[in-house]
Amino acid sequence: MNPVTIHDHECGIGEIPGTHTHDHGEAGQRVDLATTLAGVTLPNPVLTASGCSAAGRELAPFMDVSDLGAVVTKSVMLRPRSGRATPRMAETPSGMLNSIGLQGPGIDAFLEHDLPWLAERGARAVVSIAGGTVEEFAELARRLVGVPALVLLEVNISCPNVASRGQVFACDPLAAADVVRAVKAEANGVPVFAKLSPDVTDIVAIAQSCVDAGADGLSMINTLLGMLIDTETMRPVLAGVTGGLSGPAIRPVAVRCVWQVHAALPDVPILGMGGILTGLDALQFLLAGASAVSVGTAVFHDPSAPTRVLSELRAELTRRGVRRLSDVVGAAHREPQR
């Protein structure tokens, strides 16, 4: 399959309340890009997104992975998994569908090969974990305690719950809370972020349930469920019929979700994601309430996208006279200064 081509147009974002929009240039005041997620301080707010670059090794020819805030790994499961049948990826207008099925080598290979590679390069790792039962999530957290490079656990609760006829954990407040509570009990102080699905009626209710169960933060959003039909064969394009929609097409949904959850839970750190292509896209998420962002689908057509987004974000904040990244987090919720 050819690399995904994403067509998107961005307009500039207006003046941030409390800042000035004149150009400071590279020689002017440098913005402090450091951000903190549940007590973990990262040098900057740009991370990779789970599932788009494995454990970061694929990006090494294009960047120093330690330059990123952190590398979010592909979701790891207890046992090796071959994933779904092909075809399992398809291009859509301004995005893509994937139905990979959590393919991966399992936790043993991950601990032997992937985390040591990240640690050797001085990268910070946010390890995404996935399971079909609450017990599998707990066991993965237990296996990851004390491993090198790990700074956060991201709990991918958008997995089907085997014990509940395949219902997705993230679509049920009680099931989501059960997973978060079990992982938190095994995490031994490592912050736990719950990754939320947008395919719910009330994402704030799911977020609140996860936080009440002990989640230290929230990753949002995961892909939206979508489908593509081939009008020549008159059959679904993906072998698995449905897949996760990602890319710029979902950005407005993602920004809305971040906005709603930050408004309801302003003290809960959010890692925002969903269609980020540029520094201005990242800035939208920060203004909505995210303290950091993940860049995912963009790497399929631009493997340097995370570092480019970081550079663009730095330039946009500098141009606006922003001195600290924290000054813009949630700024769109504040009343404009008069």
Protein backbone atom coordinates (compact mmCIF):
# COMPACT_ATOMS: atom_id res chain seq x y z
CA MET A 1 0.00 0.00 0.00
CA ASN A 2 1.26 3.47 -0.82
CA PRO A 3 1.94 5.91 2.00
CA VAL A 4 -1.16 7.75 3.10
CA THR A 5 -1.57 11.16 1.51
CA ILE A 6 -3.31 13.59 3.79
CA HIS A 7 -4.69 16.85 2.42
CA ASP A 8 -5.43 19.48 5.02
CA HIS A 9 -5.57 23.25 5.29
CA GLU A 10 -4.88 25.19 8.47
CA CYS A 11 -5.75 28.74 9.35
CA GLY A 12 -3.77 30.65 11.94
CA ILE A 13 -4.88 30.88 15.55
CA GLY A 14 -5.46 34.31 17.04
CA GLU A 15 -3.76 35.95 19.95
CA ILE A 16 -3.62 33.95 23.18
CA PRO A 17 -5.06 35.92 26.11
CA GLY A 18 -2.28 37.55 28.09
CA THR A 19 0.36 37.33 25.36
CA HIS A 20 1.60 39.55 22.54
CA THR A 21 1.78 38.49 18.92
CA HIS A 22 4.83 40.39 17.71
CA ASP A 23 7.70 38.29 16.35
CA HIS A 24 10.55 37.73 18.80
CA GLY A 25 12.67 35.71 16.39
CA GLU A 26 15.23 33.05 17.29
CA ALA A 27 17.37 35.56 19.20
CA GLY A 28 14.47 36.64 21.42
CA GLN A 29 12.98 35.07 24.54
CA ARG A 30 13.07 31.28 24.32
CA VAL A 31 9.90 29.53 25.39
CA ASP A 32 10.18 26.96 28.19
CA LEU A 33 8.64 23.86 26.60
CA ALA A 34 8.85 21.62 29.67
CA THR A 35 5.58 20.04 30.75
CA THR A 36 4.51 17.85 33.64
CA LEU A 37 2.18 14.87 33.41
CA ALA A 38 1.13 13.50 36.80
CA GLY A 39 4.42 14.44 38.41
CA VAL A 40 6.58 13.35 35.46
CA THR A 41 8.43 16.27 33.91
CA LEU A 42 9.10 15.99 30.18
CA PRO A 43 11.46 18.33 28.29
CA ASN A 44 8.76 19.16 25.75
CA PRO A 45 5.12 18.29 25.05
CA VAL A 46 5.43 16.34 21.78
CA LEU A 47 5.24 12.54 21.95
CA THR A 48 4.63 9.82 19.42
CA ALA A 49 1.24 8.07 19.37
CA SER A 50 0.74 4.42 20.14
CA GLY A 51 0.64 2.10 17.15
CA CYS A 52 2.23 4.36 14.54
CA SER A 53 5.94 3.68 15.05
CA ALA A 54 6.18 0.50 17.17
CA ALA A 55 8.65 1.32 19.97
CA GLY A 56 10.38 4.14 18.11
CA ARG A 57 13.03 2.16 16.25
CA GLU A 58 11.44 2.95 12.87
CA LEU A 59 11.87 6.67 13.55
CA ALA A 60 15.58 6.47 14.39
CA PRO A 61 16.78 7.23 10.82
CA PHE A 62 14.80 10.48 10.90
CA MET A 63 15.35 11.82 14.43
CA ASP A 64 16.96 11.30 17.80
CA VAL A 65 14.06 9.80 19.75
CA SER A 66 15.44 11.28 22.97
CA ASP A 67 14.63 14.74 21.55
CA LEU A 68 10.92 14.00 21.95
CA GLY A 69 9.01 14.45 25.17
CA ALA A 70 8.57 10.66 25.16
CA VAL A 71 7.97 7.70 22.88
CA VAL A 72 4.55 6.08 23.30
CA THR A 73 4.93 2.44 22.34
CA LYS A 74 2.56 0.30 20.35
CA SER A 75 0.15 -1.44 22.71
CA VAL A 76 1.83 -4.54 24.13
CA MET A 77 -0.07 -7.66 25.17
CA LEU A 78 0.89 -10.65 27.28
CA ARG A 79 1.32 -13.05 24.38
CA PRO A 80 2.38 -12.69 20.73
CA ARG A 81 -0.50 -11.77 18.46
CA SER A 82 -0.65 -11.99 14.67
CA GLY A 83 -3.43 -9.45 14.24
CA ARG A 84 -6.25 -9.41 11.75
CA ALA A 85 -6.31 -10.64 8.18
CA THR A 86 -5.34 -8.34 5.33
CA PRO A 87 -6.28 -5.91 3.90
CA ARG A 88 -6.25 -4.01 7.17
CA MET A 89 -5.41 -0.45 6.18
CA ALA A 90 -7.21 1.92 3.82
CA GLU A 91 -6.85 5.57 2.91
CA THR A 92 -9.82 7.87 3.45
CA PRO A 93 -10.33 11.58 2.77
CA SER A 94 -7.99 13.40 5.18
CA GLY A 95 -7.17 10.26 7.12
CA MET A 96 -6.95 6.50 7.17
CA LEU A 97 -8.67 3.40 8.52
CA ASN A 98 -6.75 0.64 10.24
CA SER A 99 -7.80 -2.77 11.47
CA ILE A 100 -4.44 -4.12 12.61
CA GLY A 101 -5.79 -6.08 15.55
CA LEU A 102 -3.01 -5.29 18.05
CA GLN A 103 -0.38 -7.33 16.23
CA GLY A 104 2.78 -7.66 18.31
CA PRO A 105 5.44 -9.96 19.75
CA GLY A 106 4.13 -9.95 23.33
CA ILE A 107 5.57 -8.68 26.59
CA ASP A 108 8.60 -11.00 26.75
CA ALA A 109 10.05 -9.82 23.43
CA PHE A 110 9.11 -6.23 24.26
CA LEU A 111 11.07 -6.34 27.51
CA GLU A 112 14.04 -8.04 25.87
CA HIS A 113 14.38 -5.87 22.75
CA ASP A 114 12.30 -2.69 22.73
CA LEU A 115 12.62 -1.06 26.13
CA PRO A 116 16.40 -1.63 26.35
CA TRP A 117 16.75 0.03 22.92
CA LEU A 118 14.87 3.11 24.15
CA ALA A 119 16.85 3.19 27.40
CA GLU A 120 20.18 3.04 25.55
CA ARG A 121 19.20 6.16 23.61
CA GLY A 122 18.10 8.12 26.64
CA ALA A 123 14.47 8.18 25.53
CA ARG A 124 11.53 8.31 27.89
CA ALA A 125 8.96 5.54 27.33
CA VAL A 126 5.21 5.67 27.79
CA VAL A 127 4.27 2.02 27.51
CA SER A 128 0.80 1.29 26.17
CA ILE A 129 -0.72 -1.94 27.47
CA ALA A 130 -3.73 -3.87 26.17
CA GLY A 131 -5.59 -6.96 27.26
CA GLY A 132 -8.79 -8.92 26.91
CA THR A 133 -9.39 -9.23 30.65
CA VAL A 134 -8.80 -7.14 33.74
CA GLU A 135 -6.30 -9.76 34.91
CA GLU A 136 -4.24 -9.45 31.72
CA PHE A 137 -3.95 -5.68 32.19
CA ALA A 138 -2.86 -6.19 35.80
CA GLU A 139 -0.26 -8.78 34.85
CA LEU A 140 1.23 -6.50 32.21
CA ALA A 141 1.54 -3.68 34.73
CA ARG A 142 3.21 -6.07 37.17
CA ARG A 143 5.73 -7.16 34.53
CA LEU A 144 6.63 -3.56 33.71
CA VAL A 145 7.37 -2.32 37.23
CA GLY A 146 10.97 -1.13 37.51
CA VAL A 147 11.93 -1.54 33.85
CA PRO A 148 14.36 0.99 32.32
CA ALA A 149 13.08 4.08 30.48
CA LEU A 150 9.47 3.68 31.67
CA VAL A 151 7.91 6.96 32.84
CA LEU A 152 4.16 6.37 32.32
CA LEU A 153 1.72 3.55 31.63
CA GLU A 154 -0.98 4.20 29.03
CA VAL A 155 -3.88 1.80 29.48
CA ASN A 156 -5.53 1.06 26.14
CA ILE A 157 -9.03 0.32 27.38
CA SER A 158 -10.38 0.42 23.82
CA CYS A 159 -9.92 -3.35 23.76
CA PRO A 160 -12.83 -5.82 23.73
CA ASN A 161 -13.65 -7.25 27.15
CA VAL A 162 -13.59 -11.01 26.64
CA ALA A 163 -15.67 -11.59 29.78
CA SER A 164 -18.43 -9.29 28.55
CA ARG A 165 -19.10 -10.61 25.03
CA GLY A 166 -16.57 -8.36 23.41
CA GLN A 167 -17.86 -5.04 24.74
CA VAL A 168 -15.08 -2.44 24.70
CA PHE A 169 -13.85 -1.54 28.19
CA ALA A 170 -13.73 2.18 27.32
CA CYS A 171 -17.44 2.28 26.47
CA ASP A 172 -18.55 1.19 29.95
CA PRO A 173 -17.67 3.37 32.97
CA LEU A 174 -17.65 0.40 35.35
CA ALA A 175 -15.52 -1.83 33.09
CA ALA A 176 -13.09 1.01 32.42
CA ALA A 177 -12.79 1.67 36.14
CA ASP A 178 -12.12 -2.02 36.85
CA VAL A 179 -9.14 -2.02 34.48
CA VAL A 180 -7.71 1.25 35.78
CA ARG A 181 -8.07 0.13 39.40
CA ALA A 182 -6.31 -3.17 38.71
CA VAL A 183 -3.43 -1.54 36.82
CA LYS A 184 -3.03 1.17 39.45
CA ALA A 185 -2.73 -1.49 42.15
CA GLU A 186 0.23 -3.05 40.33
CA ALA A 187 1.93 0.09 38.98
CA ASN A 188 4.05 0.71 42.09
CA GLY A 189 3.92 4.47 41.74
CA VAL A 190 4.25 4.72 37.96
CA PRO A 191 1.55 7.16 36.76
CA VAL A 192 -1.33 5.52 34.92
CA PHE A 193 -3.12 7.22 32.01
CA ALA A 194 -6.36 5.79 30.65
CA LYS A 195 -6.77 6.06 26.87
CA LEU A 196 -10.35 7.01 26.06
CA SER A 197 -12.51 6.16 23.07
CA PRO A 198 -14.62 8.87 21.40
CA ASP A 199 -17.24 6.28 20.49
CA VAL A 200 -19.33 6.99 23.59
CA THR A 201 -22.33 9.17 24.39
CA ASP A 202 -20.65 10.98 27.30
CA ILE A 203 -16.85 10.94 27.35
CA VAL A 204 -16.79 13.04 30.53
CA ALA A 205 -18.60 10.25 32.40
CA ILE A 206 -16.00 7.71 31.29
CA ALA A 207 -13.19 10.12 32.20
CA GLN A 208 -14.65 10.72 35.64
CA SER A 209 -15.02 6.99 36.25
CA CYS A 210 -11.37 6.37 35.32
CA VAL A 211 -10.15 9.19 37.55
CA ASP A 212 -12.28 7.97 40.44
CA ALA A 213 -10.68 4.53 39.99
CA GLY A 214 -7.19 6.03 40.32
CA ALA A 215 -6.14 7.17 36.85
CA ASP A 216 -3.46 9.85 37.15
CA GLY A 217 -4.27 11.26 33.72
CA LEU A 218 -6.08 10.67 30.45
CA SER A 219 -4.96 10.02 26.87
CA MET A 220 -7.51 11.19 24.32
CA ILE A 221 -8.64 10.29 21.87
CA ASN A 222 -8.32 6.86 20.35
CA THR A 223 -9.57 6.28 16.80
CA LEU A 224 -13.22 6.51 15.78
CA LEU A 225 -14.91 3.39 14.44
CA GLY A 226 -15.34 3.66 10.68
CA MET A 227 -15.93 1.64 7.54
CA LEU A 228 -15.15 1.83 3.82
CA ILE A 229 -16.96 -0.05 1.03
CA ASP A 230 -15.43 -0.78 -2.38
CA THR A 231 -18.07 0.19 -4.92
CA GLU A 232 -16.54 -2.08 -7.58
CA THR A 233 -16.54 -5.29 -5.51
CA MET A 234 -19.49 -4.05 -3.46
CA ARG A 235 -17.77 -5.40 -0.36
CA PRO A 236 -16.07 -3.85 2.67
CA VAL A 237 -12.49 -2.84 1.91
CA LEU A 238 -11.09 -4.06 5.24
CA ALA A 239 -11.03 -7.78 5.96
CA GLY A 240 -12.22 -6.99 9.46
CA VAL A 241 -15.08 -4.88 7.99
CA THR A 242 -14.65 -1.95 10.40
CA GLY A 243 -11.52 -0.12 11.49
CA GLY A 244 -10.23 2.84 13.44
CA LEU A 245 -10.38 6.20 11.69
CA SER A 246 -7.41 8.49 12.37
CA GLY A 247 -5.79 11.55 10.84
CA PRO A 248 -6.93 15.17 10.38
CA ALA A 249 -10.52 14.05 9.74
CA ILE A 250 -10.95 13.35 13.47
CA ARG A 251 -9.13 16.41 14.83
CA PRO A 252 -12.26 18.51 15.55
CA VAL A 253 -13.75 15.59 17.47
CA ALA A 254 -10.54 15.14 19.45
CA VAL A 255 -10.27 18.83 20.32
CA ARG A 256 -13.92 18.81 21.43
CA CYS A 257 -13.32 15.81 23.69
CA VAL A 258 -10.24 17.38 25.27
CA TRP A 259 -12.15 20.63 25.78
CA GLN A 260 -15.10 18.89 27.47
CA VAL A 261 -12.99 16.76 29.79
CA HIS A 262 -10.68 19.63 30.77
CA ALA A 263 -13.72 21.81 31.53
CA ALA A 264 -15.12 19.10 33.81
CA LEU A 265 -11.81 17.91 35.31
CA PRO A 266 -9.41 20.87 35.08
CA ASP A 267 -6.83 19.37 37.43
CA VAL A 268 -6.45 16.08 35.52
CA PRO A 269 -3.53 16.05 33.06
CA ILE A 270 -4.45 15.20 29.47
CA LEU A 271 -2.30 13.79 26.68
CA GLY A 272 -4.13 14.95 23.55
CA MET A 273 -4.07 13.30 20.12
CA GLY A 274 -6.07 12.98 16.95
CA GLY A 275 -4.99 14.29 13.55
CA ILE A 276 -2.08 16.51 14.56
CA LEU A 277 -0.09 17.50 11.47
CA THR A 278 1.41 20.86 12.43
CA GLY A 279 2.53 22.96 15.34
CA LEU A 280 -0.71 24.92 15.08
CA ASP A 281 -2.68 21.69 15.40
CA ALA A 282 -0.73 20.89 18.57
CA LEU A 283 -1.44 24.37 19.88
CA GLN A 284 -5.19 23.79 19.49
CA PHE A 285 -4.98 20.78 21.80
CA LEU A 286 -2.94 22.71 24.37
CA LEU A 287 -5.42 25.58 24.32
CA ALA A 288 -8.27 23.08 24.78
CA GLY A 289 -6.61 21.73 27.92
CA ALA A 290 -4.00 19.12 26.98
CA SER A 291 -0.61 19.36 28.69
CA ALA A 292 1.10 17.33 25.95
CA VAL A 293 0.26 15.87 22.54
CA SER A 294 0.91 12.70 20.57
CA VAL A 295 1.65 12.70 16.83
CA GLY A 296 0.62 9.50 15.09
CA THR A 297 -0.88 9.12 11.61
CA ALA A 298 1.26 11.96 10.24
CA VAL A 299 4.37 9.76 10.45
CA PHE A 300 3.01 7.53 7.68
CA HIS A 301 3.70 10.24 5.11
CA ASP A 302 6.31 12.25 7.08
CA PRO A 303 8.43 10.16 9.47
CA SER A 304 9.99 13.36 10.83
CA ALA A 305 6.57 14.74 11.80
CA PRO A 306 7.01 14.65 15.60
CA THR A 307 10.19 16.75 15.58
CA ARG A 308 8.78 19.03 12.88
CA VAL A 309 5.62 19.60 14.92
CA LEU A 310 7.79 20.38 17.94
CA SER A 311 9.83 22.91 15.98
CA GLU A 312 6.69 24.54 14.57
CA LEU A 313 5.05 24.68 17.99
CA ARG A 314 8.13 26.34 19.47
CA ALA A 315 8.11 28.92 16.67
CA GLU A 316 4.39 29.66 17.09
CA LEU A 317 4.71 30.12 20.85
CA THR A 318 7.80 32.30 20.44
CA ARG A 319 6.01 34.43 17.85
CA ARG A 320 3.21 35.01 20.34
CA GLY A 321 5.62 35.97 23.12
CA VAL A 322 4.73 32.94 25.26
CA ARG A 323 7.47 32.25 27.82
CA ARG A 324 6.19 28.98 29.32
CA LEU A 325 4.21 26.22 27.68
CA SER A 326 2.09 25.95 30.81
CA ASP A 327 0.76 29.46 30.12
CA VAL A 328 -1.25 28.22 27.13
CA VAL A 329 -2.59 24.96 28.58
CA GLY A 330 -6.36 25.44 28.81
CA ALA A 331 -6.07 29.10 27.77
CA ALA A 332 -9.08 28.85 25.46
CA HIS A 333 -11.26 28.30 28.54
CA ARG A 334 -10.24 31.61 30.12
CA GLU A 335 -12.10 34.85 29.73
CA PRO A 336 -10.19 37.21 27.39
CA GLN A 337 -8.43 40.08 29.11
CA ARG A 338 -10.01 43.46 28.50
